[in-house]
Amino acid sequence: MAKLGKNIGKTHEDKLMDMYYKSMEYYENNKNRVYIIATSVVVVVALVFFYFNYKAKNNETAGIELSKVKTAYSNGLFQQAINGDSLGMSRGLQYIVDNYGSSENGQIAKVMLANCYYSLRDYEKADKYFKDYSGSNDIYKAASLAGIAEVCEAKNDYANAAKYYMKASQQSKLVSNNDEYLFYAIKNYSLANDNETLKKTIKELKKDYPKSKYIPQISKYDTGD
């Protein structure tokens, strides 16, 4: 014979009252723990809210500062773009990177800062900031890889220049100047005397970008099949 449960004979209301009293008993016996758990949840939620709010605010501020730099940057005033102007209207790319470098706009500022240092022939700093890019934008990811390639090329390290141009060309199909990156990879494979990879890359450029403006220019690097 199956054992009967001890709740047999009790009404639905009785069972609810039992549950209520048990809940109250548990609360009284464990109220300190309940308070700690509740407080911890509130603290975690507050910290998460504060973090995302802080992150968004930093990105917004970096964007505002970035907009003040773009005129000097576009006009080739690289030292001013780095350090800001004498009137204090623009604080410069270095300030943005130093203070808001972890934000998405701060990451964009890193690539622009690296370009400035490259243009001023400070290749060590250019390399540092190109390599430091960790944003989510594929265009800037590709640009940072191409920037590393440019630094390698300036140092006559053609093998690594070609390697990084290839990485830039493979970052995303949505990047509009992938054919340009492939062309410069071809140029550097030629300079590095890597004829086997050179031939493969020429075929890739012709196959993937048959209408590229760089197709007519590869003839001087094409050693044939």
N, C-alpha and C. Protein backbone atom coordinates (compact mmCIF):
# COMPACT_ATOMS: atom_id res chain seq x y z
N MET A 1 0.86 -1.20 0.00
CA MET A 1 0.00 0.00 0.00
C MET A 1 0.89 1.23 0.00
N ALA A 2 0.55 2.17 -0.89
CA ALA A 2 1.31 3.41 -0.95
C ALA A 2 1.07 4.23 0.28
N LYS A 3 2.14 4.87 0.76
CA LYS A 3 2.02 5.71 1.94
C LYS A 3 1.30 7.00 1.59
N LEU A 4 0.41 7.37 2.48
CA LEU A 4 -0.33 8.60 2.27
C LEU A 4 0.51 9.78 2.73
N GLY A 5 0.45 10.86 1.99
CA GLY A 5 1.18 12.06 2.39
C GLY A 5 0.56 12.66 3.63
N LYS A 6 1.38 13.37 4.40
CA LYS A 6 0.88 13.94 5.65
C LYS A 6 -0.04 15.12 5.41
N ASN A 7 -0.13 15.59 4.14
CA ASN A 7 -1.02 16.72 3.84
C ASN A 7 -2.42 16.27 3.46
N ILE A 8 -2.63 14.91 3.43
CA ILE A 8 -3.95 14.43 3.08
C ILE A 8 -4.97 14.93 4.09
N GLY A 9 -6.05 15.47 3.58
CA GLY A 9 -7.10 15.97 4.46
C GLY A 9 -7.03 17.47 4.65
N LYS A 10 -5.90 18.08 4.29
CA LYS A 10 -5.78 19.54 4.43
C LYS A 10 -6.37 20.23 3.22
N THR A 11 -6.96 21.38 3.45
CA THR A 11 -7.53 22.15 2.34
C THR A 11 -6.43 22.93 1.63
N HIS A 12 -6.78 23.48 0.47
CA HIS A 12 -5.82 24.30 -0.29
C HIS A 12 -5.36 25.51 0.52
N GLU A 13 -6.30 26.10 1.27
CA GLU A 13 -5.98 27.27 2.08
C GLU A 13 -5.00 26.89 3.19
N ASP A 14 -5.18 25.68 3.75
CA ASP A 14 -4.27 25.22 4.81
C ASP A 14 -2.85 25.08 4.27
N LYS A 15 -2.75 24.55 3.07
CA LYS A 15 -1.43 24.35 2.48
C LYS A 15 -0.74 25.69 2.22
N LEU A 16 -1.51 26.66 1.76
CA LEU A 16 -0.95 27.98 1.53
C LEU A 16 -0.45 28.61 2.82
N MET A 17 -1.24 28.42 3.90
CA MET A 17 -0.83 28.96 5.20
C MET A 17 0.44 28.28 5.69
N ASP A 18 0.55 26.96 5.46
CA ASP A 18 1.77 26.23 5.84
C ASP A 18 2.98 26.81 5.12
N MET A 19 2.80 27.06 3.81
CA MET A 19 3.90 27.62 3.02
C MET A 19 4.27 29.01 3.52
N TYR A 20 3.28 29.79 3.87
CA TYR A 20 3.53 31.14 4.37
C TYR A 20 4.34 31.11 5.65
N TYR A 21 3.90 30.25 6.62
CA TYR A 21 4.59 30.18 7.90
C TYR A 21 6.02 29.67 7.75
N LYS A 22 6.19 28.69 6.83
CA LYS A 22 7.54 28.18 6.59
C LYS A 22 8.44 29.25 5.98
N SER A 23 7.86 30.05 5.09
CA SER A 23 8.62 31.14 4.47
C SER A 23 9.04 32.17 5.51
N MET A 24 8.09 32.51 6.41
CA MET A 24 8.40 33.47 7.46
C MET A 24 9.45 32.93 8.42
N GLU A 25 9.35 31.64 8.70
CA GLU A 25 10.32 31.01 9.60
C GLU A 25 11.71 31.03 8.98
N TYR A 26 11.77 30.71 7.67
CA TYR A 26 13.05 30.73 6.97
C TYR A 26 13.64 32.15 6.97
N TYR A 27 12.77 33.13 6.72
CA TYR A 27 13.22 34.52 6.70
C TYR A 27 13.79 34.94 8.05
N GLU A 28 13.09 34.60 9.14
CA GLU A 28 13.54 34.98 10.47
C GLU A 28 14.87 34.33 10.81
N ASN A 29 15.03 33.09 10.38
CA ASN A 29 16.26 32.36 10.68
C ASN A 29 17.43 32.77 9.80
N ASN A 30 17.11 33.35 8.64
CA ASN A 30 18.16 33.65 7.67
C ASN A 30 18.13 35.10 7.18
N LYS A 31 17.52 35.98 7.99
CA LYS A 31 17.32 37.34 7.48
C LYS A 31 18.63 38.08 7.21
N ASN A 32 19.67 37.76 7.98
CA ASN A 32 20.96 38.42 7.72
C ASN A 32 21.50 38.03 6.35
N ARG A 33 21.37 36.73 6.04
CA ARG A 33 21.82 36.26 4.74
C ARG A 33 20.97 36.87 3.62
N VAL A 34 19.67 36.96 3.85
CA VAL A 34 18.77 37.55 2.86
C VAL A 34 19.16 39.00 2.59
N TYR A 35 19.43 39.74 3.68
CA TYR A 35 19.84 41.13 3.51
C TYR A 35 21.14 41.23 2.70
N ILE A 36 22.10 40.34 3.00
CA ILE A 36 23.39 40.37 2.30
C ILE A 36 23.21 40.09 0.82
N ILE A 37 22.40 39.06 0.50
CA ILE A 37 22.16 38.71 -0.90
C ILE A 37 21.46 39.85 -1.64
N ALA A 38 20.44 40.40 -0.99
CA ALA A 38 19.69 41.50 -1.62
C ALA A 38 20.58 42.71 -1.86
N THR A 39 21.41 43.02 -0.84
CA THR A 39 22.32 44.16 -0.96
C THR A 39 23.34 43.92 -2.07
N SER A 40 23.84 42.68 -2.14
CA SER A 40 24.83 42.34 -3.17
C SER A 40 24.25 42.51 -4.57
N VAL A 41 23.00 42.07 -4.75
CA VAL A 41 22.35 42.20 -6.05
C VAL A 41 22.21 43.66 -6.43
N VAL A 42 21.80 44.48 -5.47
CA VAL A 42 21.63 45.91 -5.72
C VAL A 42 22.98 46.54 -6.10
N VAL A 43 24.04 46.16 -5.38
CA VAL A 43 25.37 46.71 -5.64
C VAL A 43 25.84 46.32 -7.04
N VAL A 44 25.65 45.05 -7.41
CA VAL A 44 26.07 44.57 -8.73
C VAL A 44 25.33 45.32 -9.84
N VAL A 45 24.02 45.46 -9.68
CA VAL A 45 23.22 46.17 -10.67
C VAL A 45 23.69 47.62 -10.80
N ALA A 46 23.97 48.24 -9.64
CA ALA A 46 24.43 49.63 -9.65
C ALA A 46 25.78 49.76 -10.35
N LEU A 47 26.68 48.81 -10.07
CA LEU A 47 28.01 48.84 -10.70
C LEU A 47 27.92 48.65 -12.20
N VAL A 48 27.08 47.72 -12.65
CA VAL A 48 26.89 47.49 -14.08
C VAL A 48 26.34 48.74 -14.75
N PHE A 49 25.35 49.35 -14.14
CA PHE A 49 24.77 50.58 -14.67
C PHE A 49 25.82 51.68 -14.74
N PHE A 50 26.58 51.82 -13.66
CA PHE A 50 27.61 52.87 -13.61
C PHE A 50 28.66 52.63 -14.69
N TYR A 51 29.08 51.36 -14.87
CA TYR A 51 30.11 51.03 -15.85
C TYR A 51 29.68 51.40 -17.26
N PHE A 52 28.48 50.98 -17.65
CA PHE A 52 28.02 51.25 -19.01
C PHE A 52 27.74 52.73 -19.23
N ASN A 53 27.26 53.40 -18.19
CA ASN A 53 27.03 54.83 -18.29
C ASN A 53 28.36 55.58 -18.43
N TYR A 54 29.35 55.14 -17.65
CA TYR A 54 30.69 55.74 -17.70
C TYR A 54 31.33 55.51 -19.06
N LYS A 55 31.18 54.29 -19.57
CA LYS A 55 31.74 53.93 -20.88
C LYS A 55 31.12 54.77 -22.00
N ALA A 56 29.80 54.92 -21.95
CA ALA A 56 29.10 55.71 -22.97
C ALA A 56 29.52 57.18 -22.90
N LYS A 57 29.66 57.69 -21.68
CA LYS A 57 30.04 59.09 -21.49
C LYS A 57 31.45 59.34 -22.02
N ASN A 58 32.36 58.40 -21.73
CA ASN A 58 33.73 58.53 -22.23
C ASN A 58 33.78 58.52 -23.75
N ASN A 59 32.98 57.64 -24.36
CA ASN A 59 32.96 57.56 -25.82
C ASN A 59 32.41 58.84 -26.43
N GLU A 60 31.39 59.41 -25.79
CA GLU A 60 30.80 60.67 -26.27
C GLU A 60 31.82 61.81 -26.18
N THR A 61 32.51 61.89 -25.05
CA THR A 61 33.51 62.94 -24.86
C THR A 61 34.65 62.79 -25.86
N ALA A 62 35.09 61.54 -26.07
CA ALA A 62 36.16 61.28 -27.05
C ALA A 62 35.73 61.69 -28.45
N GLY A 63 34.46 61.46 -28.78
CA GLY A 63 33.93 61.84 -30.08
C GLY A 63 33.93 63.35 -30.28
N ILE A 64 33.57 64.07 -29.23
CA ILE A 64 33.56 65.54 -29.29
C ILE A 64 34.98 66.05 -29.51
N GLU A 65 35.93 65.52 -28.72
CA GLU A 65 37.32 65.95 -28.85
C GLU A 65 37.90 65.58 -30.22
N LEU A 66 37.49 64.41 -30.72
CA LEU A 66 37.97 63.95 -32.02
C LEU A 66 37.52 64.88 -33.14
N SER A 67 36.30 65.38 -33.04
CA SER A 67 35.78 66.28 -34.07
C SER A 67 36.57 67.59 -34.13
N LYS A 68 37.17 67.98 -33.00
CA LYS A 68 37.95 69.23 -32.95
C LYS A 68 39.33 69.06 -33.60
N VAL A 69 39.76 67.82 -33.75
CA VAL A 69 41.10 67.53 -34.27
C VAL A 69 41.10 67.35 -35.78
N LYS A 70 39.97 66.97 -36.34
CA LYS A 70 39.93 66.49 -37.73
C LYS A 70 40.38 67.53 -38.75
N THR A 71 40.13 68.81 -38.49
CA THR A 71 40.56 69.84 -39.45
C THR A 71 42.08 69.88 -39.56
N ALA A 72 42.74 69.92 -38.41
CA ALA A 72 44.21 69.94 -38.40
C ALA A 72 44.76 68.66 -39.02
N TYR A 73 44.14 67.54 -38.71
CA TYR A 73 44.58 66.24 -39.24
C TYR A 73 44.43 66.19 -40.76
N SER A 74 43.27 66.64 -41.25
CA SER A 74 43.00 66.61 -42.70
C SER A 74 43.91 67.55 -43.47
N ASN A 75 44.35 68.63 -42.81
CA ASN A 75 45.22 69.61 -43.46
C ASN A 75 46.70 69.27 -43.32
N GLY A 76 46.99 68.13 -42.74
CA GLY A 76 48.39 67.70 -42.61
C GLY A 76 49.15 68.40 -41.50
N LEU A 77 48.44 69.04 -40.58
CA LEU A 77 49.09 69.70 -39.44
C LEU A 77 49.23 68.67 -38.32
N PHE A 78 50.14 67.74 -38.51
CA PHE A 78 50.19 66.55 -37.66
C PHE A 78 50.63 66.85 -36.22
N GLN A 79 51.56 67.76 -36.06
CA GLN A 79 52.00 68.08 -34.70
C GLN A 79 50.86 68.72 -33.92
N GLN A 80 50.11 69.59 -34.58
CA GLN A 80 48.95 70.21 -33.94
C GLN A 80 47.86 69.17 -33.66
N ALA A 81 47.68 68.26 -34.58
CA ALA A 81 46.69 67.20 -34.37
C ALA A 81 47.07 66.33 -33.17
N ILE A 82 48.36 66.14 -32.97
CA ILE A 82 48.82 65.32 -31.83
C ILE A 82 48.64 66.06 -30.51
N ASN A 83 49.09 67.30 -30.46
CA ASN A 83 49.18 68.03 -29.19
C ASN A 83 48.06 69.04 -28.94
N GLY A 84 47.23 69.29 -29.96
CA GLY A 84 46.19 70.31 -29.80
C GLY A 84 46.72 71.68 -30.22
N ASP A 85 45.82 72.65 -30.26
CA ASP A 85 46.23 73.99 -30.68
C ASP A 85 46.61 74.85 -29.48
N SER A 86 47.24 75.97 -29.77
CA SER A 86 47.74 76.86 -28.72
C SER A 86 46.62 77.56 -27.96
N LEU A 87 45.46 77.65 -28.57
CA LEU A 87 44.33 78.32 -27.92
C LEU A 87 43.56 77.39 -26.98
N GLY A 88 43.89 76.13 -27.03
CA GLY A 88 43.21 75.16 -26.17
C GLY A 88 41.84 74.73 -26.68
N MET A 89 41.54 75.09 -27.92
CA MET A 89 40.26 74.68 -28.49
C MET A 89 40.24 73.17 -28.74
N SER A 90 41.39 72.64 -29.14
CA SER A 90 41.54 71.21 -29.36
C SER A 90 42.66 70.69 -28.45
N ARG A 91 42.38 69.60 -27.76
CA ARG A 91 43.39 69.04 -26.85
C ARG A 91 44.31 68.05 -27.54
N GLY A 92 43.95 67.63 -28.73
CA GLY A 92 44.82 66.77 -29.51
C GLY A 92 44.58 65.29 -29.34
N LEU A 93 45.10 64.52 -30.30
CA LEU A 93 44.90 63.08 -30.32
C LEU A 93 45.58 62.37 -29.16
N GLN A 94 46.75 62.87 -28.76
CA GLN A 94 47.46 62.21 -27.65
C GLN A 94 46.63 62.28 -26.37
N TYR A 95 46.00 63.43 -26.14
CA TYR A 95 45.14 63.59 -24.96
C TYR A 95 43.96 62.63 -25.03
N ILE A 96 43.35 62.50 -26.19
CA ILE A 96 42.19 61.61 -26.34
C ILE A 96 42.60 60.17 -26.04
N VAL A 97 43.71 59.75 -26.63
CA VAL A 97 44.18 58.37 -26.43
C VAL A 97 44.55 58.11 -24.98
N ASP A 98 45.23 59.07 -24.36
CA ASP A 98 45.68 58.90 -22.97
C ASP A 98 44.51 58.85 -21.99
N ASN A 99 43.44 59.56 -22.30
CA ASN A 99 42.33 59.68 -21.35
C ASN A 99 41.10 58.86 -21.71
N TYR A 100 40.90 58.59 -23.00
CA TYR A 100 39.69 57.88 -23.43
C TYR A 100 40.02 56.74 -24.41
N GLY A 101 41.24 56.24 -24.34
CA GLY A 101 41.71 55.26 -25.30
C GLY A 101 40.94 53.96 -25.33
N SER A 102 40.26 53.63 -24.24
CA SER A 102 39.51 52.36 -24.20
C SER A 102 38.15 52.46 -24.87
N SER A 103 37.68 53.67 -25.15
CA SER A 103 36.38 53.86 -25.81
C SER A 103 36.54 53.62 -27.31
N GLU A 104 35.43 53.44 -28.00
CA GLU A 104 35.49 53.18 -29.44
C GLU A 104 36.08 54.37 -30.20
N ASN A 105 35.65 55.58 -29.83
CA ASN A 105 36.22 56.78 -30.46
C ASN A 105 37.68 56.97 -30.07
N GLY A 106 38.03 56.56 -28.86
CA GLY A 106 39.42 56.60 -28.43
C GLY A 106 40.29 55.66 -29.25
N GLN A 107 39.72 54.52 -29.63
CA GLN A 107 40.43 53.57 -30.49
C GLN A 107 40.67 54.15 -31.88
N ILE A 108 39.67 54.86 -32.40
CA ILE A 108 39.84 55.53 -33.69
C ILE A 108 40.96 56.57 -33.60
N ALA A 109 40.98 57.29 -32.48
CA ALA A 109 42.03 58.29 -32.26
C ALA A 109 43.41 57.65 -32.28
N LYS A 110 43.53 56.40 -31.83
CA LYS A 110 44.83 55.71 -31.84
C LYS A 110 45.36 55.55 -33.26
N VAL A 111 44.48 55.16 -34.18
CA VAL A 111 44.90 54.99 -35.58
C VAL A 111 45.31 56.33 -36.18
N MET A 112 44.52 57.37 -35.89
CA MET A 112 44.87 58.71 -36.39
C MET A 112 46.18 59.20 -35.79
N LEU A 113 46.37 58.95 -34.49
CA LEU A 113 47.61 59.34 -33.82
C LEU A 113 48.81 58.61 -34.44
N ALA A 114 48.64 57.31 -34.69
CA ALA A 114 49.70 56.53 -35.32
C ALA A 114 50.04 57.07 -36.70
N ASN A 115 49.01 57.46 -37.46
CA ASN A 115 49.24 58.04 -38.79
C ASN A 115 50.03 59.34 -38.70
N CYS A 116 49.72 60.13 -37.68
CA CYS A 116 50.46 61.39 -37.48
C CYS A 116 51.93 61.11 -37.20
N TYR A 117 52.19 60.18 -36.29
CA TYR A 117 53.58 59.86 -35.96
C TYR A 117 54.31 59.27 -37.17
N TYR A 118 53.59 58.48 -37.96
CA TYR A 118 54.21 57.92 -39.17
C TYR A 118 54.59 59.04 -40.13
N SER A 119 53.69 59.98 -40.32
CA SER A 119 53.95 61.10 -41.23
C SER A 119 55.12 61.96 -40.75
N LEU A 120 55.34 61.99 -39.43
CA LEU A 120 56.46 62.73 -38.85
C LEU A 120 57.71 61.87 -38.74
N ARG A 121 57.65 60.65 -39.30
CA ARG A 121 58.76 59.69 -39.32
C ARG A 121 59.16 59.20 -37.93
N ASP A 122 58.26 59.26 -37.00
CA ASP A 122 58.49 58.66 -35.68
C ASP A 122 57.89 57.25 -35.74
N TYR A 123 58.64 56.34 -36.33
CA TYR A 123 58.11 55.02 -36.64
C TYR A 123 57.85 54.16 -35.40
N GLU A 124 58.63 54.39 -34.36
CA GLU A 124 58.44 53.59 -33.14
C GLU A 124 57.08 53.88 -32.50
N LYS A 125 56.75 55.15 -32.39
CA LYS A 125 55.45 55.52 -31.82
C LYS A 125 54.31 55.15 -32.76
N ALA A 126 54.55 55.30 -34.05
CA ALA A 126 53.52 54.90 -35.02
C ALA A 126 53.21 53.41 -34.87
N ASP A 127 54.25 52.60 -34.81
CA ASP A 127 54.09 51.15 -34.66
C ASP A 127 53.36 50.82 -33.36
N LYS A 128 53.72 51.51 -32.28
CA LYS A 128 53.11 51.27 -30.97
C LYS A 128 51.60 51.48 -31.02
N TYR A 129 51.14 52.58 -31.60
CA TYR A 129 49.71 52.89 -31.59
C TYR A 129 48.94 52.12 -32.66
N PHE A 130 49.58 51.79 -33.78
CA PHE A 130 48.91 50.91 -34.74
C PHE A 130 48.64 49.55 -34.09
N LYS A 131 49.63 49.02 -33.40
CA LYS A 131 49.50 47.70 -32.76
C LYS A 131 48.56 47.74 -31.56
N ASP A 132 48.36 48.91 -30.98
CA ASP A 132 47.53 49.03 -29.78
C ASP A 132 46.04 49.12 -30.10
N TYR A 133 45.69 49.24 -31.40
CA TYR A 133 44.28 49.35 -31.76
C TYR A 133 43.54 48.05 -31.40
N SER A 134 42.41 48.19 -30.71
CA SER A 134 41.61 47.02 -30.33
C SER A 134 40.12 47.32 -30.44
N GLY A 135 39.77 48.26 -31.32
CA GLY A 135 38.36 48.60 -31.52
C GLY A 135 37.63 47.55 -32.33
N SER A 136 36.34 47.77 -32.55
CA SER A 136 35.49 46.78 -33.22
C SER A 136 35.22 47.10 -34.70
N ASN A 137 35.71 48.26 -35.16
CA ASN A 137 35.44 48.69 -36.53
C ASN A 137 36.41 48.01 -37.50
N ASP A 138 35.88 47.24 -38.46
CA ASP A 138 36.72 46.49 -39.40
C ASP A 138 37.57 47.40 -40.28
N ILE A 139 37.05 48.56 -40.62
CA ILE A 139 37.82 49.48 -41.46
C ILE A 139 39.07 49.94 -40.73
N TYR A 140 38.91 50.28 -39.45
CA TYR A 140 40.07 50.73 -38.67
C TYR A 140 40.98 49.57 -38.29
N LYS A 141 40.41 48.37 -38.13
CA LYS A 141 41.26 47.19 -37.91
C LYS A 141 42.18 46.99 -39.10
N ALA A 142 41.60 47.05 -40.30
CA ALA A 142 42.39 46.90 -41.52
C ALA A 142 43.41 48.02 -41.65
N ALA A 143 42.99 49.25 -41.32
CA ALA A 143 43.90 50.40 -41.42
C ALA A 143 45.07 50.27 -40.47
N SER A 144 44.80 49.75 -39.27
CA SER A 144 45.88 49.59 -38.29
C SER A 144 46.89 48.53 -38.75
N LEU A 145 46.39 47.44 -39.36
CA LEU A 145 47.28 46.41 -39.90
C LEU A 145 48.11 46.95 -41.07
N ALA A 146 47.45 47.73 -41.92
CA ALA A 146 48.17 48.35 -43.04
C ALA A 146 49.19 49.36 -42.52
N GLY A 147 48.86 50.01 -41.42
CA GLY A 147 49.80 50.95 -40.81
C GLY A 147 51.05 50.25 -40.31
N ILE A 148 50.86 49.09 -39.68
CA ILE A 148 52.01 48.29 -39.24
C ILE A 148 52.86 47.91 -40.45
N ALA A 149 52.18 47.55 -41.53
CA ALA A 149 52.89 47.19 -42.78
C ALA A 149 53.71 48.37 -43.29
N GLU A 150 53.14 49.57 -43.23
CA GLU A 150 53.86 50.76 -43.71
C GLU A 150 55.12 51.00 -42.89
N VAL A 151 55.02 50.79 -41.58
CA VAL A 151 56.19 50.97 -40.72
C VAL A 151 57.27 49.94 -41.09
N CYS A 152 56.85 48.69 -41.29
CA CYS A 152 57.80 47.65 -41.70
C CYS A 152 58.47 48.01 -43.02
N GLU A 153 57.68 48.51 -43.96
CA GLU A 153 58.20 48.89 -45.27
C GLU A 153 59.21 50.04 -45.15
N ALA A 154 58.90 51.00 -44.28
CA ALA A 154 59.81 52.13 -44.07
C ALA A 154 61.14 51.68 -43.48
N LYS A 155 61.11 50.54 -42.76
CA LYS A 155 62.33 49.99 -42.16
C LYS A 155 62.99 48.93 -43.06
N ASN A 156 62.48 48.83 -44.30
CA ASN A 156 62.99 47.85 -45.28
C ASN A 156 62.76 46.41 -44.86
N ASP A 157 61.79 46.20 -44.00
CA ASP A 157 61.40 44.84 -43.60
C ASP A 157 60.26 44.40 -44.51
N TYR A 158 60.59 44.07 -45.75
CA TYR A 158 59.58 43.86 -46.78
C TYR A 158 58.75 42.60 -46.55
N ALA A 159 59.35 41.57 -45.99
CA ALA A 159 58.62 40.32 -45.75
C ALA A 159 57.47 40.54 -44.77
N ASN A 160 57.75 41.23 -43.68
CA ASN A 160 56.70 41.52 -42.70
C ASN A 160 55.71 42.55 -43.22
N ALA A 161 56.19 43.48 -44.02
CA ALA A 161 55.29 44.46 -44.63
C ALA A 161 54.25 43.74 -45.48
N ALA A 162 54.71 42.81 -46.31
CA ALA A 162 53.79 42.04 -47.16
C ALA A 162 52.80 41.25 -46.31
N LYS A 163 53.30 40.64 -45.24
CA LYS A 163 52.45 39.84 -44.36
C LYS A 163 51.32 40.68 -43.76
N TYR A 164 51.64 41.87 -43.28
CA TYR A 164 50.62 42.71 -42.65
C TYR A 164 49.67 43.33 -43.68
N TYR A 165 50.16 43.61 -44.89
CA TYR A 165 49.25 44.08 -45.94
C TYR A 165 48.25 42.98 -46.29
N MET A 166 48.71 41.73 -46.31
CA MET A 166 47.81 40.61 -46.57
C MET A 166 46.75 40.51 -45.47
N LYS A 167 47.17 40.64 -44.22
CA LYS A 167 46.22 40.59 -43.10
C LYS A 167 45.19 41.70 -43.22
N ALA A 168 45.64 42.88 -43.63
CA ALA A 168 44.72 44.01 -43.80
C ALA A 168 43.69 43.70 -44.88
N SER A 169 44.14 43.08 -45.96
CA SER A 169 43.23 42.78 -47.09
C SER A 169 42.22 41.70 -46.74
N GLN A 170 42.52 40.90 -45.71
CA GLN A 170 41.65 39.79 -45.33
C GLN A 170 40.74 40.10 -44.14
N GLN A 171 40.84 41.32 -43.61
CA GLN A 171 40.09 41.66 -42.41
C GLN A 171 38.58 41.57 -42.62
N SER A 172 38.11 42.11 -43.72
CA SER A 172 36.67 42.08 -44.02
C SER A 172 36.45 42.37 -45.49
N LYS A 173 35.51 41.66 -46.09
CA LYS A 173 35.16 41.91 -47.50
C LYS A 173 34.49 43.27 -47.68
N LEU A 174 34.04 43.86 -46.59
CA LEU A 174 33.34 45.14 -46.66
C LEU A 174 34.30 46.33 -46.73
N VAL A 175 35.59 46.08 -46.51
CA VAL A 175 36.58 47.16 -46.59
C VAL A 175 36.81 47.49 -48.06
N SER A 176 36.62 48.74 -48.42
CA SER A 176 36.59 49.13 -49.84
C SER A 176 37.96 49.12 -50.51
N ASN A 177 39.04 49.24 -49.76
CA ASN A 177 40.36 49.31 -50.40
C ASN A 177 41.19 48.05 -50.17
N ASN A 178 40.54 46.90 -50.13
CA ASN A 178 41.26 45.63 -50.02
C ASN A 178 42.20 45.40 -51.21
N ASP A 179 41.76 45.85 -52.39
CA ASP A 179 42.62 45.68 -53.57
C ASP A 179 43.91 46.48 -53.44
N GLU A 180 43.82 47.63 -52.79
CA GLU A 180 45.02 48.45 -52.56
C GLU A 180 45.99 47.72 -51.63
N TYR A 181 45.44 47.12 -50.56
CA TYR A 181 46.29 46.37 -49.63
C TYR A 181 46.96 45.19 -50.33
N LEU A 182 46.21 44.51 -51.21
CA LEU A 182 46.79 43.40 -51.96
C LEU A 182 47.91 43.88 -52.88
N PHE A 183 47.69 45.02 -53.52
CA PHE A 183 48.71 45.56 -54.42
C PHE A 183 50.01 45.84 -53.66
N TYR A 184 49.89 46.45 -52.48
CA TYR A 184 51.10 46.75 -51.71
C TYR A 184 51.74 45.48 -51.15
N ALA A 185 50.93 44.46 -50.91
CA ALA A 185 51.49 43.16 -50.52
C ALA A 185 52.33 42.61 -51.67
N ILE A 186 51.79 42.72 -52.89
CA ILE A 186 52.51 42.27 -54.09
C ILE A 186 53.85 43.01 -54.22
N LYS A 187 53.80 44.30 -54.07
CA LYS A 187 55.02 45.12 -54.16
C LYS A 187 56.08 44.64 -53.16
N ASN A 188 55.65 44.37 -51.94
CA ASN A 188 56.60 43.99 -50.90
C ASN A 188 57.06 42.53 -51.02
N TYR A 189 56.20 41.65 -51.54
CA TYR A 189 56.66 40.29 -51.82
C TYR A 189 57.75 40.33 -52.89
N SER A 190 57.59 41.23 -53.86
CA SER A 190 58.60 41.39 -54.90
C SER A 190 59.91 41.88 -54.31
N LEU A 191 59.83 42.88 -53.44
CA LEU A 191 61.03 43.43 -52.80
C LEU A 191 61.70 42.41 -51.88
N ALA A 192 60.89 41.50 -51.32
CA ALA A 192 61.42 40.47 -50.43
C ALA A 192 61.90 39.23 -51.20
N ASN A 193 61.74 39.27 -52.55
CA ASN A 193 62.12 38.15 -53.41
C ASN A 193 61.38 36.85 -53.06
N ASP A 194 60.13 37.00 -52.61
CA ASP A 194 59.29 35.84 -52.32
C ASP A 194 58.40 35.59 -53.56
N ASN A 195 59.00 35.02 -54.58
CA ASN A 195 58.32 34.90 -55.87
C ASN A 195 57.11 33.97 -55.84
N GLU A 196 57.19 32.93 -55.02
CA GLU A 196 56.07 31.98 -54.95
C GLU A 196 54.81 32.65 -54.40
N THR A 197 54.94 33.35 -53.26
CA THR A 197 53.79 34.04 -52.68
C THR A 197 53.38 35.22 -53.55
N LEU A 198 54.33 35.82 -54.21
CA LEU A 198 54.05 36.93 -55.13
C LEU A 198 53.07 36.49 -56.21
N LYS A 199 53.35 35.35 -56.85
CA LYS A 199 52.49 34.84 -57.92
C LYS A 199 51.08 34.55 -57.42
N LYS A 200 50.99 33.94 -56.22
CA LYS A 200 49.68 33.62 -55.63
C LYS A 200 48.87 34.89 -55.37
N THR A 201 49.55 35.92 -54.89
CA THR A 201 48.85 37.17 -54.54
C THR A 201 48.41 37.93 -55.79
N ILE A 202 49.22 37.87 -56.83
CA ILE A 202 48.82 38.49 -58.10
C ILE A 202 47.56 37.81 -58.64
N LYS A 203 47.54 36.48 -58.59
CA LYS A 203 46.36 35.74 -59.04
C LYS A 203 45.13 36.12 -58.20
N GLU A 204 45.34 36.28 -56.90
CA GLU A 204 44.22 36.64 -56.00
C GLU A 204 43.67 38.01 -56.35
N LEU A 205 44.55 38.97 -56.60
CA LEU A 205 44.09 40.31 -56.96
C LEU A 205 43.31 40.28 -58.27
N LYS A 206 43.82 39.57 -59.26
CA LYS A 206 43.15 39.49 -60.56
C LYS A 206 41.79 38.79 -60.46
N LYS A 207 41.74 37.76 -59.62
CA LYS A 207 40.51 36.98 -59.49
C LYS A 207 39.43 37.72 -58.69
N ASP A 208 39.84 38.27 -57.54
CA ASP A 208 38.86 38.90 -56.63
C ASP A 208 38.50 40.33 -57.02
N TYR A 209 39.42 41.02 -57.68
CA TYR A 209 39.19 42.43 -58.01
C TYR A 209 39.59 42.70 -59.47
N PRO A 210 38.89 42.06 -60.44
CA PRO A 210 39.28 42.17 -61.85
C PRO A 210 39.17 43.59 -62.42
N LYS A 211 38.39 44.44 -61.77
CA LYS A 211 38.23 45.81 -62.26
C LYS A 211 39.05 46.82 -61.45
N SER A 212 39.93 46.32 -60.60
CA SER A 212 40.74 47.21 -59.76
C SER A 212 41.66 48.09 -60.60
N LYS A 213 41.83 49.30 -60.14
CA LYS A 213 42.74 50.23 -60.84
C LYS A 213 44.20 49.81 -60.69
N TYR A 214 44.45 48.84 -59.78
CA TYR A 214 45.82 48.40 -59.56
C TYR A 214 46.25 47.28 -60.51
N ILE A 215 45.29 46.69 -61.24
CA ILE A 215 45.61 45.60 -62.16
C ILE A 215 46.68 46.01 -63.18
N PRO A 216 46.53 47.17 -63.86
CA PRO A 216 47.55 47.55 -64.84
C PRO A 216 48.94 47.79 -64.23
N GLN A 217 48.97 48.06 -62.92
CA GLN A 217 50.25 48.40 -62.28
C GLN A 217 51.06 47.20 -61.82
N ILE A 218 50.44 46.00 -61.84
CA ILE A 218 51.15 44.84 -61.31
C ILE A 218 52.07 44.18 -62.34
N SER A 219 52.01 44.64 -63.58
CA SER A 219 52.80 44.01 -64.63
C SER A 219 54.30 44.03 -64.32
N LYS A 220 54.75 45.11 -63.65
CA LYS A 220 56.19 45.22 -63.36
C LYS A 220 56.63 44.25 -62.26
N TYR A 221 55.64 43.68 -61.53
CA TYR A 221 55.97 42.70 -60.49
C TYR A 221 55.65 41.28 -60.94
N ASP A 222 54.90 41.15 -62.03
CA ASP A 222 54.43 39.84 -62.47
C ASP A 222 55.57 39.10 -63.19
N THR A 223 56.03 37.99 -62.58
CA THR A 223 57.13 37.22 -63.16
C THR A 223 56.63 36.12 -64.09
N GLY A 224 55.30 36.06 -64.23
CA GLY A 224 54.71 35.04 -65.10
C GLY A 224 54.53 33.72 -64.38
N ASP A 225 53.91 32.77 -65.07
CA ASP A 225 53.66 31.46 -64.48
C ASP A 225 54.87 30.54 -64.67
